[in-house]
Structures are given as C-alpha cells and as structure tokens.
C-alpha cells in the first residue's frame, strides 16, 4: 500500500504489534490480514523471526482514509 523508502519515516514512529493494531482499528486479525491481501490495509514490517508490526503513522493514515470515505469526502 505504501512505497516510501526506509529513510522517509520518522525515527520515532512507534511500531505496533497485532494486539495493539486490533484495538486501534476495531478489527480482528483475520479481517486485517484479508484487507492486507486485498491491498486495503498497510502491510506489516518484518521485525525478525516470526515477529512483525505496523508503523503507527500508517495505521493512523489508514484510519483517516476510512473516516473520509465513510463521511463521503
């Protein structure tokens, strides 16, 4: 969904784990991964091993886009 270079992100942009993303967006894990597969949700960042996370800025941008769509803007 987003194609910025690694150095285009603020160094203090927190990385959220799945449980925090679920709480923030109000969706469950299967729905989030379905949306990722459909290119409708930010892709996770591989943190090493089986760990992954999402940038808070990308989650906030996704939420702002959903709000705008729902408000017809």
PDB file of N, CA and C in Angstrom:
ATOM      1  N   UNK A   1       0.823  -1.198   0.000  1.00  0.00           N
ATOM      2  CA  UNK A   1       0.000   0.000   0.000  1.00  0.00           C
ATOM      3  C   UNK A   1       0.862   1.255   0.000  1.00  0.00           C
ATOM      4  N   UNK A   2       1.936   1.269   0.790  1.00  0.00           N
ATOM      5  CA  UNK A   2       2.802   2.422   0.874  1.00  0.00           C
ATOM      6  C   UNK A   2       4.172   2.063   0.342  1.00  0.00           C
ATOM      7  N   UNK A   3       4.777   2.935  -0.470  1.00  0.00           N
ATOM      8  CA  UNK A   3       6.053   2.609  -1.096  1.00  0.00           C
ATOM      9  C   UNK A   3       7.149   3.603  -0.731  1.00  0.00           C
ATOM     10  N   UNK A   4       7.136   4.160   0.446  1.00  0.00           N
ATOM     11  CA  UNK A   4       8.176   5.067   0.895  1.00  0.00           C
ATOM     12  C   UNK A   4       9.472   4.304   1.148  1.00  0.00           C
ATOM     13  N   UNK A   5      10.588   4.997   0.997  1.00  0.00           N
ATOM     14  CA  UNK A   5      11.886   4.421   1.348  1.00  0.00           C
ATOM     15  C   UNK A   5      12.024   4.412   2.868  1.00  0.00           C
ATOM     16  N   UNK A   6      12.862   3.530   3.372  1.00  0.00           N
ATOM     17  CA  UNK A   6      13.031   3.379   4.821  1.00  0.00           C
ATOM     18  C   UNK A   6      13.412   4.690   5.496  1.00  0.00           C
ATOM     19  N   UNK A   7      14.220   5.508   4.847  1.00  0.00           N
ATOM     20  CA  UNK A   7      14.647   6.755   5.476  1.00  0.00           C
ATOM     21  C   UNK A   7      13.605   7.865   5.378  1.00  0.00           C
ATOM     22  N   UNK A   8      12.467   7.605   4.766  1.00  0.00           N
ATOM     23  CA  UNK A   8      11.377   8.582   4.684  1.00  0.00           C
ATOM     24  C   UNK A   8      10.487   8.576   5.926  1.00  0.00           C
ATOM     25  N   UNK A   9      10.700   7.645   6.835  1.00  0.00           N
ATOM     26  CA  UNK A   9       9.880   7.527   8.036  1.00  0.00           C
ATOM     27  C   UNK A   9      10.575   8.178   9.217  1.00  0.00           C
ATOM     28  N   UNK A  10       9.800   8.855  10.078  1.00  0.00           N
ATOM     29  CA  UNK A  10      10.413   9.421  11.288  1.00  0.00           C
ATOM     30  C   UNK A  10      11.009   8.316  12.150  1.00  0.00           C
ATOM     31  N   UNK A  11      12.134   8.595  12.752  1.00  0.00           N
ATOM     32  CA  UNK A  11      12.792   7.605  13.600  1.00  0.00           C
ATOM     33  C   UNK A  11      11.990   7.301  14.866  1.00  0.00           C
ATOM     34  N   UNK A  12      11.114   8.207  15.264  1.00  0.00           N
ATOM     35  CA  UNK A  12      10.328   7.991  16.480  1.00  0.00           C
ATOM     36  C   UNK A  12       8.918   7.489  16.201  1.00  0.00           C
ATOM     37  N   UNK A  13       8.688   6.941  15.000  1.00  0.00           N
ATOM     38  CA  UNK A  13       7.378   6.401  14.634  1.00  0.00           C
ATOM     39  C   UNK A  13       7.231   5.025  15.291  1.00  0.00           C
ATOM     40  N   UNK A  14       6.395   4.910  16.321  1.00  0.00           N
ATOM     41  CA  UNK A  14       6.275   3.628  17.033  1.00  0.00           C
ATOM     42  C   UNK A  14       5.785   2.491  16.140  1.00  0.00           C
ATOM     43  N   UNK A  15       6.230   1.309  16.451  1.00  0.00           N
ATOM     44  CA  UNK A  15       5.782   0.093  15.767  1.00  0.00           C
ATOM     45  C   UNK A  15       4.786  -0.609  16.683  1.00  0.00           C
ATOM     46  N   UNK A  16       3.600  -0.879  16.150  1.00  0.00           N
ATOM     47  CA  UNK A  16       2.543  -1.541  16.906  1.00  0.00           C
ATOM     48  C   UNK A  16       2.519  -3.021  16.575  1.00  0.00           C
ATOM     49  N   UNK A  17       2.282  -3.830  17.578  1.00  0.00           N
ATOM     50  CA  UNK A  17       2.090  -5.256  17.368  1.00  0.00           C
ATOM     51  C   UNK A  17       0.611  -5.514  17.100  1.00  0.00           C
ATOM     52  N   UNK A  18       0.285  -6.722  16.661  1.00  0.00           N
ATOM     53  CA  UNK A  18      -1.072  -7.057  16.221  1.00  0.00           C
ATOM     54  C   UNK A  18      -2.130  -6.706  17.259  1.00  0.00           C
ATOM     55  N   UNK A  19      -1.920  -7.047  18.512  1.00  0.00           N
ATOM     56  CA  UNK A  19      -2.973  -6.789  19.513  1.00  0.00           C
ATOM     57  C   UNK A  19      -3.277  -5.295  19.623  1.00  0.00           C
ATOM     58  N   UNK A  20      -2.248  -4.457  19.451  1.00  0.00           N
ATOM     59  CA  UNK A  20      -2.460  -3.008  19.504  1.00  0.00           C
ATOM     60  C   UNK A  20      -3.143  -2.503  18.238  1.00  0.00           C
ATOM     61  N   UNK A  21      -2.809  -3.096  17.106  1.00  0.00           N
ATOM     62  CA  UNK A  21      -3.463  -2.721  15.846  1.00  0.00           C
ATOM     63  C   UNK A  21      -4.944  -3.086  15.923  1.00  0.00           C
ATOM     64  N   UNK A  22      -5.244  -4.291  16.414  1.00  0.00           N
ATOM     65  CA  UNK A  22      -6.643  -4.716  16.558  1.00  0.00           C
ATOM     66  C   UNK A  22      -7.426  -3.719  17.411  1.00  0.00           C
ATOM     67  N   UNK A  23      -6.854  -3.313  18.537  1.00  0.00           N
ATOM     68  CA  UNK A  23      -7.531  -2.354  19.425  1.00  0.00           C
ATOM     69  C   UNK A  23      -7.700  -1.007  18.743  1.00  0.00           C
ATOM     70  N   UNK A  24      -6.683  -0.580  18.012  1.00  0.00           N
ATOM     71  CA  UNK A  24      -6.704   0.738  17.388  1.00  0.00           C
ATOM     72  C   UNK A  24      -7.727   0.844  16.264  1.00  0.00           C
ATOM     73  N   UNK A  25      -7.841  -0.189  15.439  1.00  0.00           N
ATOM     74  CA  UNK A  25      -8.722  -0.101  14.269  1.00  0.00           C
ATOM     75  C   UNK A  25     -10.072  -0.780  14.471  1.00  0.00           C
ATOM     76  N   UNK A  26     -10.225  -1.552  15.529  1.00  0.00           N
ATOM     77  CA  UNK A  26     -11.509  -2.194  15.797  1.00  0.00           C
ATOM     78  C   UNK A  26     -11.790  -3.404  14.929  1.00  0.00           C
ATOM     79  N   UNK A  27     -10.746  -4.000  14.369  1.00  0.00           N
ATOM     80  CA  UNK A  27     -10.888  -5.205  13.544  1.00  0.00           C
ATOM     81  C   UNK A  27     -10.074  -6.337  14.159  1.00  0.00           C
ATOM     82  N   UNK A  28     -10.437  -7.561  13.834  1.00  0.00           N
ATOM     83  CA  UNK A  28      -9.707  -8.733  14.319  1.00  0.00           C
ATOM     84  C   UNK A  28      -8.679  -9.177  13.292  1.00  0.00           C
ATOM     85  N   UNK A  29      -7.744  -9.975  13.753  1.00  0.00           N
ATOM     86  CA  UNK A  29      -6.611 -10.434  12.954  1.00  0.00           C
ATOM     87  C   UNK A  29      -6.997 -10.991  11.585  1.00  0.00           C
ATOM     88  N   UNK A  30      -7.976 -11.900  11.487  1.00  0.00           N
ATOM     89  CA  UNK A  30      -8.315 -12.433  10.160  1.00  0.00           C
ATOM     90  C   UNK A  30      -8.776 -11.349   9.178  1.00  0.00           C
ATOM     91  N   UNK A  31      -9.535 -10.390   9.665  1.00  0.00           N
ATOM     92  CA  UNK A  31     -10.006  -9.311   8.804  1.00  0.00           C
ATOM     93  C   UNK A  31      -8.855  -8.420   8.368  1.00  0.00           C
ATOM     94  N   UNK A  32      -7.952  -8.126   9.285  1.00  0.00           N
ATOM     95  CA  UNK A  32      -6.784  -7.311   8.959  1.00  0.00           C
ATOM     96  C   UNK A  32      -5.964  -7.986   7.863  1.00  0.00           C
ATOM     97  N   UNK A  33      -5.684  -9.288   8.015  1.00  0.00           N
ATOM     98  CA  UNK A  33      -4.891  -9.981   7.001  1.00  0.00           C
ATOM     99  C   UNK A  33      -5.636 -10.110   5.670  1.00  0.00           C
ATOM    100  N   UNK A  34      -6.949 -10.220   5.720  1.00  0.00           N
ATOM    101  CA  UNK A  34      -7.738 -10.238   4.481  1.00  0.00           C
ATOM    102  C   UNK A  34      -7.601  -8.903   3.753  1.00  0.00           C
ATOM    103  N   UNK A  35      -7.681  -7.796   4.494  1.00  0.00           N
ATOM    104  CA  UNK A  35      -7.526  -6.475   3.899  1.00  0.00           C
ATOM    105  C   UNK A  35      -6.113  -6.259   3.352  1.00  0.00           C
ATOM    106  N   UNK A  36      -5.110  -6.776   4.050  1.00  0.00           N
ATOM    107  CA  UNK A  36      -3.734  -6.682   3.555  1.00  0.00           C
ATOM    108  C   UNK A  36      -3.621  -7.403   2.219  1.00  0.00           C
ATOM    109  N   UNK A  37      -4.188  -8.587   2.143  1.00  0.00           N
ATOM    110  CA  UNK A  37      -4.142  -9.378   0.905  1.00  0.00           C
ATOM    111  C   UNK A  37      -4.824  -8.641  -0.239  1.00  0.00           C
ATOM    112  N   UNK A  38      -5.839  -7.861   0.075  1.00  0.00           N
ATOM    113  CA  UNK A  38      -6.569  -7.080  -0.924  1.00  0.00           C
ATOM    114  C   UNK A  38      -5.939  -5.697  -1.156  1.00  0.00           C
ATOM    115  N   UNK A  39      -4.777  -5.452  -0.557  1.00  0.00           N
ATOM    116  CA  UNK A  39      -4.068  -4.162  -0.650  1.00  0.00           C
ATOM    117  C   UNK A  39      -4.914  -3.006  -0.127  1.00  0.00           C
ATOM    118  N   UNK A  40      -5.712  -3.280   0.916  1.00  0.00           N
ATOM    119  CA  UNK A  40      -6.573  -2.260   1.504  1.00  0.00           C
ATOM    120  C   UNK A  40      -6.173  -1.917   2.925  1.00  0.00           C
ATOM    121  N   UNK A  41      -5.014  -2.407   3.372  1.00  0.00           N
ATOM    122  CA  UNK A  41      -4.515  -2.152   4.722  1.00  0.00           C
ATOM    123  C   UNK A  41      -2.995  -2.178   4.646  1.00  0.00           C
ATOM    124  N   UNK A  42      -2.317  -1.368   5.448  1.00  0.00           N
ATOM    125  CA  UNK A  42      -0.849  -1.357   5.405  1.00  0.00           C
ATOM    126  C   UNK A  42      -0.257  -2.737   5.698  1.00  0.00           C
ATOM    127  N   UNK A  43       0.788  -3.070   4.977  1.00  0.00           N
ATOM    128  CA  UNK A  43       1.481  -4.341   5.203  1.00  0.00           C
ATOM    129  C   UNK A  43       2.340  -4.250   6.459  1.00  0.00           C
ATOM    130  N   UNK A  44       2.504  -5.361   7.148  1.00  0.00           N
ATOM    131  CA  UNK A  44       3.346  -5.354   8.352  1.00  0.00           C
ATOM    132  C   UNK A  44       4.831  -5.268   7.989  1.00  0.00           C
ATOM    133  N   UNK A  45       5.608  -4.869   8.965  1.00  0.00           N
ATOM    134  CA  UNK A  45       7.060  -4.814   8.855  1.00  0.00           C
ATOM    135  C   UNK A  45       7.607  -6.070   9.511  1.00  0.00           C
ATOM    136  N   UNK A  46       8.495  -6.766   8.839  1.00  0.00           N
ATOM    137  CA  UNK A  46       9.135  -7.944   9.434  1.00  0.00           C
ATOM    138  C   UNK A  46      10.152  -7.458  10.452  1.00  0.00           C
ATOM    139  N   UNK A  47       9.975  -7.851  11.702  1.00  0.00           N
ATOM    140  CA  UNK A  47      10.872  -7.435  12.773  1.00  0.00           C
ATOM    141  C   UNK A  47      11.915  -8.492  13.081  1.00  0.00           C
ATOM    142  N   UNK A  48      11.847  -9.616  12.396  1.00  0.00           N
ATOM    143  CA  UNK A  48      12.794 -10.706  12.623  1.00  0.00           C
ATOM    144  C   UNK A  48      12.086 -11.920  13.182  1.00  0.00           C
ATOM    145  N   UNK A  49      12.513 -13.087  12.752  1.00  0.00           N
ATOM    146  CA  UNK A  49      11.844 -14.307  13.198  1.00  0.00           C
ATOM    147  C   UNK A  49      10.392 -14.286  12.787  1.00  0.00           C
ATOM    148  N   UNK A  50       9.525 -14.576  13.733  1.00  0.00           N
ATOM    149  CA  UNK A  50       8.085 -14.567  13.463  1.00  0.00           C
ATOM    150  C   UNK A  50       7.417 -13.273  13.902  1.00  0.00           C
ATOM    151  N   UNK A  51       8.205 -12.276  14.298  1.00  0.00           N
ATOM    152  CA  UNK A  51       7.654 -11.016  14.799  1.00  0.00           C
ATOM    153  C   UNK A  51       7.426 -10.029  13.656  1.00  0.00           C
ATOM    154  N   UNK A  52       6.303  -9.340  13.729  1.00  0.00           N
ATOM    155  CA  UNK A  52       6.009  -8.284  12.764  1.00  0.00           C
ATOM    156  C   UNK A  52       5.229  -7.180  13.472  1.00  0.00           C
ATOM    157  N   UNK A  53       5.173  -6.037  12.836  1.00  0.00           N
ATOM    158  CA  UNK A  53       4.463  -4.909  13.414  1.00  0.00           C
ATOM    159  C   UNK A  53       4.109  -3.896  12.344  1.00  0.00           C
ATOM    160  N   UNK A  54       3.391  -2.880  12.736  1.00  0.00           N
ATOM    161  CA  UNK A  54       2.917  -1.830  11.833  1.00  0.00           C
ATOM    162  C   UNK A  54       3.337  -0.476  12.380  1.00  0.00           C
ATOM    163  N   UNK A  55       3.678   0.436  11.469  1.00  0.00           N
ATOM    164  CA  UNK A  55       4.002   1.794  11.885  1.00  0.00           C
ATOM    165  C   UNK A  55       2.725   2.512  12.307  1.00  0.00           C
ATOM    166  N   UNK A  56       2.791   3.179  13.430  1.00  0.00           N
ATOM    167  CA  UNK A  56       1.641   3.920  13.939  1.00  0.00           C
ATOM    168  C   UNK A  56       1.169   4.944  12.913  1.00  0.00           C
ATOM    169  N   UNK A  57       2.096   5.607  12.238  1.00  0.00           N
ATOM    170  CA  UNK A  57       1.709   6.625  11.245  1.00  0.00           C
ATOM    171  C   UNK A  57       0.895   6.016  10.111  1.00  0.00           C
ATOM    172  N   UNK A  58       1.237   4.808   9.668  1.00  0.00           N
ATOM    173  CA  UNK A  58       0.482   4.164   8.592  1.00  0.00           C
ATOM    174  C   UNK A  58      -0.902   3.732   9.059  1.00  0.00           C
ATOM    175  N   UNK A  59      -1.004   3.279  10.300  1.00  0.00           N
ATOM    176  CA  UNK A  59      -2.306   2.898  10.860  1.00  0.00           C
ATOM    177  C   UNK A  59      -3.184   4.142  10.985  1.00  0.00           C
ATOM    178  N   UNK A  60      -2.610   5.239  11.479  1.00  0.00           N
ATOM    179  CA  UNK A  60      -3.380   6.481  11.615  1.00  0.00           C
ATOM    180  C   UNK A  60      -3.827   7.005  10.258  1.00  0.00           C
ATOM    181  N   UNK A  61      -2.969   6.906   9.255  1.00  0.00           N
ATOM    182  CA  UNK A  61      -3.332   7.330   7.903  1.00  0.00           C
ATOM    183  C   UNK A  61      -4.471   6.470   7.365  1.00  0.00           C
ATOM    184  N   UNK A  62      -4.408   5.161   7.577  1.00  0.00           N
ATOM    185  CA  UNK A  62      -5.464   4.250   7.132  1.00  0.00           C
ATOM    186  C   UNK A  62      -6.790   4.626   7.794  1.00  0.00           C
ATOM    187  N   UNK A  63      -6.756   4.900   9.108  1.00  0.00           N
ATOM    188  CA  UNK A  63      -7.985   5.279   9.817  1.00  0.00           C
ATOM    189  C   UNK A  63      -8.544   6.590   9.271  1.00  0.00           C
ATOM    190  N   UNK A  64      -7.677   7.553   9.010  1.00  0.00           N
ATOM    191  CA  UNK A  64      -8.138   8.840   8.464  1.00  0.00           C
ATOM    192  C   UNK A  64      -8.793   8.645   7.095  1.00  0.00           C
ATOM    193  N   UNK A  65      -8.215   7.771   6.277  1.00  0.00           N
ATOM    194  CA  UNK A  65      -8.804   7.474   4.970  1.00  0.00           C
ATOM    195  C   UNK A  65     -10.174   6.825   5.121  1.00  0.00           C
ATOM    196  N   UNK A  66     -10.330   5.881   6.063  1.00  0.00           N
ATOM    197  CA  UNK A  66     -11.621   5.233   6.287  1.00  0.00           C
ATOM    198  C   UNK A  66     -12.656   6.232   6.758  1.00  0.00           C
ATOM    199  N   UNK A  67     -12.256   7.170   7.620  1.00  0.00           N
ATOM    200  CA  UNK A  67     -13.181   8.185   8.104  1.00  0.00           C
ATOM    201  C   UNK A  67     -13.641   9.059   6.939  1.00  0.00           C
ATOM    202  N   UNK A  68     -12.699   9.480   6.118  1.00  0.00           N
ATOM    203  CA  UNK A  68     -13.051  10.321   4.969  1.00  0.00           C
ATOM    204  C   UNK A  68     -14.004   9.603   4.025  1.00  0.00           C
ATOM    205  N   UNK A  69     -13.745   8.327   3.759  1.00  0.00           N
ATOM    206  CA  UNK A  69     -14.626   7.541   2.892  1.00  0.00           C
ATOM    207  C   UNK A  69     -16.022   7.427   3.488  1.00  0.00           C
ATOM    208  N   UNK A  70     -16.086   7.148   4.789  1.00  0.00           N
ATOM    209  CA  UNK A  70     -17.398   6.963   5.429  1.00  0.00           C
ATOM    210  C   UNK A  70     -18.192   8.254   5.509  1.00  0.00           C
ATOM    211  N   UNK A  71     -17.478   9.376   5.487  1.00  0.00           N
ATOM    212  CA  UNK A  71     -18.141  10.692   5.541  1.00  0.00           C
ATOM    213  C   UNK A  71     -18.411  11.253   4.153  1.00  0.00           C
ATOM    214  N   UNK A  72     -18.039  10.482   3.107  1.00  0.00           N
ATOM    215  CA  UNK A  72     -18.274  10.913   1.744  1.00  0.00           C
ATOM    216  C   UNK A  72     -17.364  12.030   1.273  1.00  0.00           C
ATOM    217  N   UNK A  73     -16.171  12.084   1.840  1.00  0.00           N
ATOM    218  CA  UNK A  73     -15.232  13.166   1.493  1.00  0.00           C
ATOM    219  C   UNK A  73     -14.200  12.708   0.496  1.00  0.00           C
TER     220      UNK A  73
END
